[in-house]
PDB file of N, CA and C in Angstrom:
ATOM      1  N   LYS A   1     112.592 115.900  67.877  1.00  0.00           N
ATOM      2  CA  LYS A   1     111.996 116.715  68.969  1.00  0.00           C
ATOM      3  C   LYS A   1     111.758 115.787  70.171  1.00  0.00           C
ATOM      4  N   LYS A   2     112.367 116.188  71.297  1.00  0.00           N
ATOM      5  CA  LYS A   2     112.346 115.367  72.444  1.00  0.00           C
ATOM      6  C   LYS A   2     111.307 115.982  73.415  1.00  0.00           C
ATOM      7  N   ILE A   3     110.345 115.176  73.872  1.00  0.00           N
ATOM      8  CA  ILE A   3     109.348 115.578  74.821  1.00  0.00           C
ATOM      9  C   ILE A   3     109.684 114.995  76.191  1.00  0.00           C
ATOM     10  N   THR A   4     109.854 115.893  77.149  1.00  0.00           N
ATOM     11  CA  THR A   4     110.139 115.436  78.467  1.00  0.00           C
ATOM     12  C   THR A   4     108.985 115.827  79.431  1.00  0.00           C
ATOM     13  N   MET A   5     108.659 114.910  80.295  1.00  0.00           N
ATOM     14  CA  MET A   5     107.595 115.139  81.226  1.00  0.00           C
ATOM     15  C   MET A   5     108.155 115.418  82.629  1.00  0.00           C
ATOM     16  N   ASN A   6     107.865 116.601  83.144  1.00  0.00           N
ATOM     17  CA  ASN A   6     108.371 116.977  84.452  1.00  0.00           C
ATOM     18  C   ASN A   6     107.346 116.866  85.482  1.00  0.00           C
ATOM     19  N   LYS A   7     106.680 115.706  85.543  1.00  0.00           N
ATOM     20  CA  LYS A   7     105.532 115.520  86.475  1.00  0.00           C
ATOM     21  C   LYS A   7     106.100 114.992  87.785  1.00  0.00           C
ATOM     22  N   ARG A   8     105.672 115.650  88.913  1.00  0.00           N
ATOM     23  CA  ARG A   8     106.169 115.187  90.209  1.00  0.00           C
ATOM     24  C   ARG A   8     104.979 114.803  91.050  1.00  0.00           C
ATOM     25  N   LEU A   9     105.134 113.809  91.838  1.00  0.00           N
ATOM     26  CA  LEU A   9     104.073 113.364  92.794  1.00  0.00           C
ATOM     27  C   LEU A   9     104.248 114.254  94.066  1.00  0.00           C
ATOM     28  N   THR A  10     103.297 115.126  94.278  1.00  0.00           N
ATOM     29  CA  THR A  10     103.288 115.979  95.439  1.00  0.00           C
ATOM     30  C   THR A  10     101.886 115.925  96.144  1.00  0.00           C
ATOM     31  N   LYS A  11     101.897 116.367  97.331  1.00  0.00           N
ATOM     32  CA  LYS A  11     100.595 116.490  98.083  1.00  0.00           C
ATOM     33  C   LYS A  11      99.765 117.536  97.433  1.00  0.00           C
ATOM     34  N   SER A  12      98.483 117.324  97.508  1.00  0.00           N
ATOM     35  CA  SER A  12      97.560 118.288  96.897  1.00  0.00           C
ATOM     36  C   SER A  12      97.094 119.383  97.878  1.00  0.00           C
ATOM     37  N   ASN A  13      96.590 120.487  97.413  1.00  0.00           N
ATOM     38  CA  ASN A  13      95.955 121.472  98.250  1.00  0.00           C
ATOM     39  C   ASN A  13      94.518 121.044  98.571  1.00  0.00           C
ATOM     40  N   ASN A  14      94.014 120.069  97.734  1.00  0.00           N
ATOM     41  CA  ASN A  14      92.645 119.568  97.932  1.00  0.00           C
ATOM     42  C   ASN A  14      92.750 118.473  99.057  1.00  0.00           C
ATOM     43  N   LYS A  15      92.787 118.945 100.257  1.00  0.00           N
ATOM     44  CA  LYS A  15      93.062 117.991 101.402  1.00  0.00           C
ATOM     45  C   LYS A  15      91.802 117.593 102.091  1.00  0.00           C
ATOM     46  N   MET A  16      91.795 116.305 102.515  1.00  0.00           N
ATOM     47  CA  MET A  16      90.841 115.863 103.533  1.00  0.00           C
ATOM     48  C   MET A  16      91.603 115.604 104.822  1.00  0.00           C
ATOM     49  N   VAL A  17      92.786 115.000 104.697  1.00  0.00           N
ATOM     50  CA  VAL A  17      93.573 114.778 105.855  1.00  0.00           C
ATOM     51  C   VAL A  17      95.019 115.415 105.554  1.00  0.00           C
ATOM     52  N   ALA A  18      95.757 114.838 104.623  1.00  0.00           N
ATOM     53  CA  ALA A  18      97.088 115.331 104.375  1.00  0.00           C
ATOM     54  C   ALA A  18      97.363 115.650 102.916  1.00  0.00           C
ATOM     55  N   GLY A  19      96.337 115.328 102.054  1.00  0.00           N
ATOM     56  CA  GLY A  19      96.476 115.631 100.636  1.00  0.00           C
ATOM     57  C   GLY A  19      97.142 114.533  99.839  1.00  0.00           C
ATOM     58  N   VAL A  20      97.339 113.360 100.497  1.00  0.00           N
ATOM     59  CA  VAL A  20      98.047 112.267  99.783  1.00  0.00           C
ATOM     60  C   VAL A  20      97.174 111.609  98.644  1.00  0.00           C
ATOM     61  N   CYS A  21      95.995 111.259  98.967  1.00  0.00           N
ATOM     62  CA  CYS A  21      95.120 110.646  97.948  1.00  0.00           C
ATOM     63  C   CYS A  21      94.820 111.605  96.796  1.00  0.00           C
ATOM     64  N   ALA A  22      94.649 112.870  97.150  1.00  0.00           N
ATOM     65  CA  ALA A  22      94.321 113.852  96.062  1.00  0.00           C
ATOM     66  C   ALA A  22      95.537 114.123  95.258  1.00  0.00           C
ATOM     67  N   GLY A  23      96.766 114.095  95.874  1.00  0.00           N
ATOM     68  CA  GLY A  23      98.013 114.164  95.082  1.00  0.00           C
ATOM     69  C   GLY A  23      98.233 113.010  94.165  1.00  0.00           C
ATOM     70  N   ILE A  24      97.927 111.846  94.576  1.00  0.00           N
ATOM     71  CA  ILE A  24      98.016 110.646  93.743  1.00  0.00           C
ATOM     72  C   ILE A  24      97.041 110.744  92.635  1.00  0.00           C
ATOM     73  N   ALA A  25      95.792 111.186  92.872  1.00  0.00           N
ATOM     74  CA  ALA A  25      94.766 111.333  91.865  1.00  0.00           C
ATOM     75  C   ALA A  25      95.189 112.357  90.800  1.00  0.00           C
ATOM     76  N   GLU A  26      95.733 113.512  91.242  1.00  0.00           N
ATOM     77  CA  GLU A  26      96.178 114.558  90.359  1.00  0.00           C
ATOM     78  C   GLU A  26      97.332 114.050  89.528  1.00  0.00           C
ATOM     79  N   TYR A  27      98.216 113.309  90.055  1.00  0.00           N
ATOM     80  CA  TYR A  27      99.379 112.797  89.359  1.00  0.00           C
ATOM     81  C   TYR A  27      98.940 111.795  88.253  1.00  0.00           C
ATOM     82  N   LEU A  28      97.978 110.941  88.633  1.00  0.00           N
ATOM     83  CA  LEU A  28      97.500 109.958  87.647  1.00  0.00           C
ATOM     84  C   LEU A  28      96.438 110.463  86.680  1.00  0.00           C
ATOM     85  N   GLY A  29      95.881 111.650  86.998  1.00  0.00           N
ATOM     86  CA  GLY A  29      94.887 112.203  86.156  1.00  0.00           C
ATOM     87  C   GLY A  29      93.480 111.563  86.399  1.00  0.00           C
ATOM     88  N   TRP A  30      93.284 111.041  87.614  1.00  0.00           N
ATOM     89  CA  TRP A  30      92.054 110.394  87.994  1.00  0.00           C
ATOM     90  C   TRP A  30      91.200 111.265  88.840  1.00  0.00           C
ATOM     91  N   ASP A  31      89.947 110.891  89.083  1.00  0.00           N
ATOM     92  CA  ASP A  31      89.059 111.587  89.938  1.00  0.00           C
ATOM     93  C   ASP A  31      89.465 111.334  91.404  1.00  0.00           C
ATOM     94  N   VAL A  32      89.515 112.413  92.162  1.00  0.00           N
ATOM     95  CA  VAL A  32      89.954 112.307  93.561  1.00  0.00           C
ATOM     96  C   VAL A  32      89.010 111.380  94.413  1.00  0.00           C
ATOM     97  N   THR A  33      87.753 111.428  94.121  1.00  0.00           N
ATOM     98  CA  THR A  33      86.791 110.655  94.889  1.00  0.00           C
ATOM     99  C   THR A  33      87.043 109.112  94.644  1.00  0.00           C
ATOM    100  N   ILE A  34      87.380 108.699  93.402  1.00  0.00           N
ATOM    101  CA  ILE A  34      87.666 107.356  93.090  1.00  0.00           C
ATOM    102  C   ILE A  34      88.882 106.849  93.841  1.00  0.00           C
ATOM    103  N   VAL A  35      89.967 107.664  93.829  1.00  0.00           N
ATOM    104  CA  VAL A  35      91.146 107.269  94.529  1.00  0.00           C
ATOM    105  C   VAL A  35      90.935 107.065  96.036  1.00  0.00           C
ATOM    106  N   ARG A  36      90.159 108.057  96.598  1.00  0.00           N
ATOM    107  CA  ARG A  36      89.865 107.921  98.044  1.00  0.00           C
ATOM    108  C   ARG A  36      88.979 106.709  98.334  1.00  0.00           C
ATOM    109  N   ALA A  37      88.067 106.430  97.525  1.00  0.00           N
ATOM    110  CA  ALA A  37      87.135 105.286  97.739  1.00  0.00           C
ATOM    111  C   ALA A  37      87.988 103.975  97.572  1.00  0.00           C
ATOM    112  N   VAL A  38      88.854 103.877  96.606  1.00  0.00           N
ATOM    113  CA  VAL A  38      89.614 102.663  96.431  1.00  0.00           C
ATOM    114  C   VAL A  38      90.589 102.439  97.617  1.00  0.00           C
ATOM    115  N   TYR A  39      91.164 103.554  98.068  1.00  0.00           N
ATOM    116  CA  TYR A  39      92.058 103.534  99.227  1.00  0.00           C
ATOM    117  C   TYR A  39      91.295 103.031 100.455  1.00  0.00           C
ATOM    118  N   ALA A  40      90.126 103.627 100.663  1.00  0.00           N
ATOM    119  CA  ALA A  40      89.347 103.216 101.847  1.00  0.00           C
ATOM    120  C   ALA A  40      88.950 101.740 101.778  1.00  0.00           C
ATOM    121  N   VAL A  41      88.473 101.273 100.643  1.00  0.00           N
ATOM    122  CA  VAL A  41      88.106  99.857 100.518  1.00  0.00           C
ATOM    123  C   VAL A  41      89.248  98.931 100.732  1.00  0.00           C
ATOM    124  N   LEU A  42      90.438  99.286 100.132  1.00  0.00           N
ATOM    125  CA  LEU A  42      91.616  98.431 100.355  1.00  0.00           C
ATOM    126  C   LEU A  42      92.044  98.452 101.829  1.00  0.00           C
ATOM    127  N   SER A  43      91.954  99.623 102.436  1.00  0.00           N
ATOM    128  CA  SER A  43      92.414  99.659 103.858  1.00  0.00           C
ATOM    129  C   SER A  43      91.482  98.870 104.798  1.00  0.00           C
ATOM    130  N   VAL A  44      90.197  98.939 104.534  1.00  0.00           N
ATOM    131  CA  VAL A  44      89.223  98.255 105.422  1.00  0.00           C
ATOM    132  C   VAL A  44      89.103  96.777 105.154  1.00  0.00           C
ATOM    133  N   PHE A  45      89.050  96.355 103.940  1.00  0.00           N
ATOM    134  CA  PHE A  45      88.847  94.942 103.647  1.00  0.00           C
ATOM    135  C   PHE A  45      89.998  94.059 103.342  1.00  0.00           C
ATOM    136  N   SER A  46      91.199  94.542 103.378  1.00  0.00           N
ATOM    137  CA  SER A  46      92.368  93.779 103.010  1.00  0.00           C
ATOM    138  C   SER A  46      93.290  93.773 104.264  1.00  0.00           C
ATOM    139  N   VAL A  47      93.463  92.553 104.805  1.00  0.00           N
ATOM    140  CA  VAL A  47      94.349  92.361 105.972  1.00  0.00           C
ATOM    141  C   VAL A  47      95.787  92.622 105.588  1.00  0.00           C
ATOM    142  N   GLY A  48      96.186  92.265 104.314  1.00  0.00           N
ATOM    143  CA  GLY A  48      97.578  92.371 103.865  1.00  0.00           C
ATOM    144  C   GLY A  48      97.936  93.796 103.411  1.00  0.00           C
ATOM    145  N   PHE A  49      97.004  94.715 103.372  1.00  0.00           N
ATOM    146  CA  PHE A  49      97.239  96.098 102.914  1.00  0.00           C
ATOM    147  C   PHE A  49      97.295  97.034 104.117  1.00  0.00           C
ATOM    148  N   PRO A  50      98.454  97.369 104.573  1.00  0.00           N
ATOM    149  CA  PRO A  50      98.602  98.223 105.780  1.00  0.00           C
ATOM    150  C   PRO A  50      98.287  99.713 105.388  1.00  0.00           C
ATOM    151  N   GLY A  51      97.042  99.987 105.180  1.00  0.00           N
ATOM    152  CA  GLY A  51      96.655 101.284 104.663  1.00  0.00           C
ATOM    153  C   GLY A  51      97.036 102.513 105.529  1.00  0.00           C
ATOM    154  N   LEU A  52      96.823 102.450 106.769  1.00  0.00           N
ATOM    155  CA  LEU A  52      97.104 103.557 107.672  1.00  0.00           C
ATOM    156  C   LEU A  52      98.641 103.832 107.712  1.00  0.00           C
ATOM    157  N   LEU A  53      99.392 102.761 107.859  1.00  0.00           N
ATOM    158  CA  LEU A  53     100.817 102.893 107.876  1.00  0.00           C
ATOM    159  C   LEU A  53     101.388 103.458 106.551  1.00  0.00           C
ATOM    160  N   LEU A  54     100.845 103.013 105.432  1.00  0.00           N
ATOM    161  CA  LEU A  54     101.299 103.469 104.109  1.00  0.00           C
ATOM    162  C   LEU A  54     100.882 104.994 103.966  1.00  0.00           C
ATOM    163  N   TYR A  55      99.727 105.397 104.378  1.00  0.00           N
ATOM    164  CA  TYR A  55      99.292 106.770 104.357  1.00  0.00           C
ATOM    165  C   TYR A  55     100.180 107.702 105.149  1.00  0.00           C
ATOM    166  N   ILE A  56     100.533 107.242 106.374  1.00  0.00           N
ATOM    167  CA  ILE A  56     101.396 108.004 107.186  1.00  0.00           C
ATOM    168  C   ILE A  56     102.787 108.199 106.583  1.00  0.00           C
ATOM    169  N   ILE A  57     103.327 107.123 106.062  1.00  0.00           N
ATOM    170  CA  ILE A  57     104.579 107.221 105.369  1.00  0.00           C
ATOM    171  C   ILE A  57     104.569 108.176 104.176  1.00  0.00           C
ATOM    172  N   LEU A  58     103.529 108.057 103.378  1.00  0.00           N
ATOM    173  CA  LEU A  58     103.374 108.952 102.176  1.00  0.00           C
ATOM    174  C   LEU A  58     103.229 110.359 102.638  1.00  0.00           C
ATOM    175  N   ALA A  59     102.499 110.625 103.732  1.00  0.00           N
ATOM    176  CA  ALA A  59     102.263 112.004 104.225  1.00  0.00           C
ATOM    177  C   ALA A  59     103.559 112.666 104.693  1.00  0.00           C
ATOM    178  N   ILE A  60     104.483 111.809 105.177  1.00  0.00           N
ATOM    179  CA  ILE A  60     105.735 112.327 105.535  1.00  0.00           C
ATOM    180  C   ILE A  60     106.710 112.523 104.414  1.00  0.00           C
ATOM    181  N   VAL A  61     106.732 111.573 103.522  1.00  0.00           N
ATOM    182  CA  VAL A  61     107.672 111.525 102.415  1.00  0.00           C
ATOM    183  C   VAL A  61     107.336 112.463 101.220  1.00  0.00           C
ATOM    184  N   MET A  62     106.009 112.570 100.896  1.00  0.00           N
ATOM    185  CA  MET A  62     105.670 113.274  99.781  1.00  0.00           C
ATOM    186  C   MET A  62     105.858 114.797 100.028  1.00  0.00           C
ATOM    187  N   PRO A  63     106.497 115.457  99.034  1.00  0.00           N
ATOM    188  CA  PRO A  63     106.726 116.912  99.238  1.00  0.00           C
ATOM    189  C   PRO A  63     105.423 117.702  99.017  1.00  0.00           C
ATOM    190  N   ASN A  64     105.364 118.873  99.704  1.00  0.00           N
ATOM    191  CA  ASN A  64     104.228 119.771  99.468  1.00  0.00           C
ATOM    192  C   ASN A  64     104.343 120.407  98.092  1.00  0.00           C
ATOM    193  N   ARG A  65     103.211 120.868  97.556  1.00  0.00           N
ATOM    194  CA  ARG A  65     103.273 121.531  96.259  1.00  0.00           C
ATOM    195  C   ARG A  65     104.036 122.776  96.272  1.00  0.00           C
TER     196      ARG A  65
END
């Protein structure tokens, strides 16, 4: 018996801006608030993490649900 997972990374309808963080949280099965908080901390406190640029790219590339 073969089990296939047809899970796709898509933007969520649970949007604050574009639904990217919520889509990632739903894909990973994590709490949306935790993903948003981790993203915000990485964006603010890490010079090497281009958070805004990455978010814009994901907002453009990720398909809608």
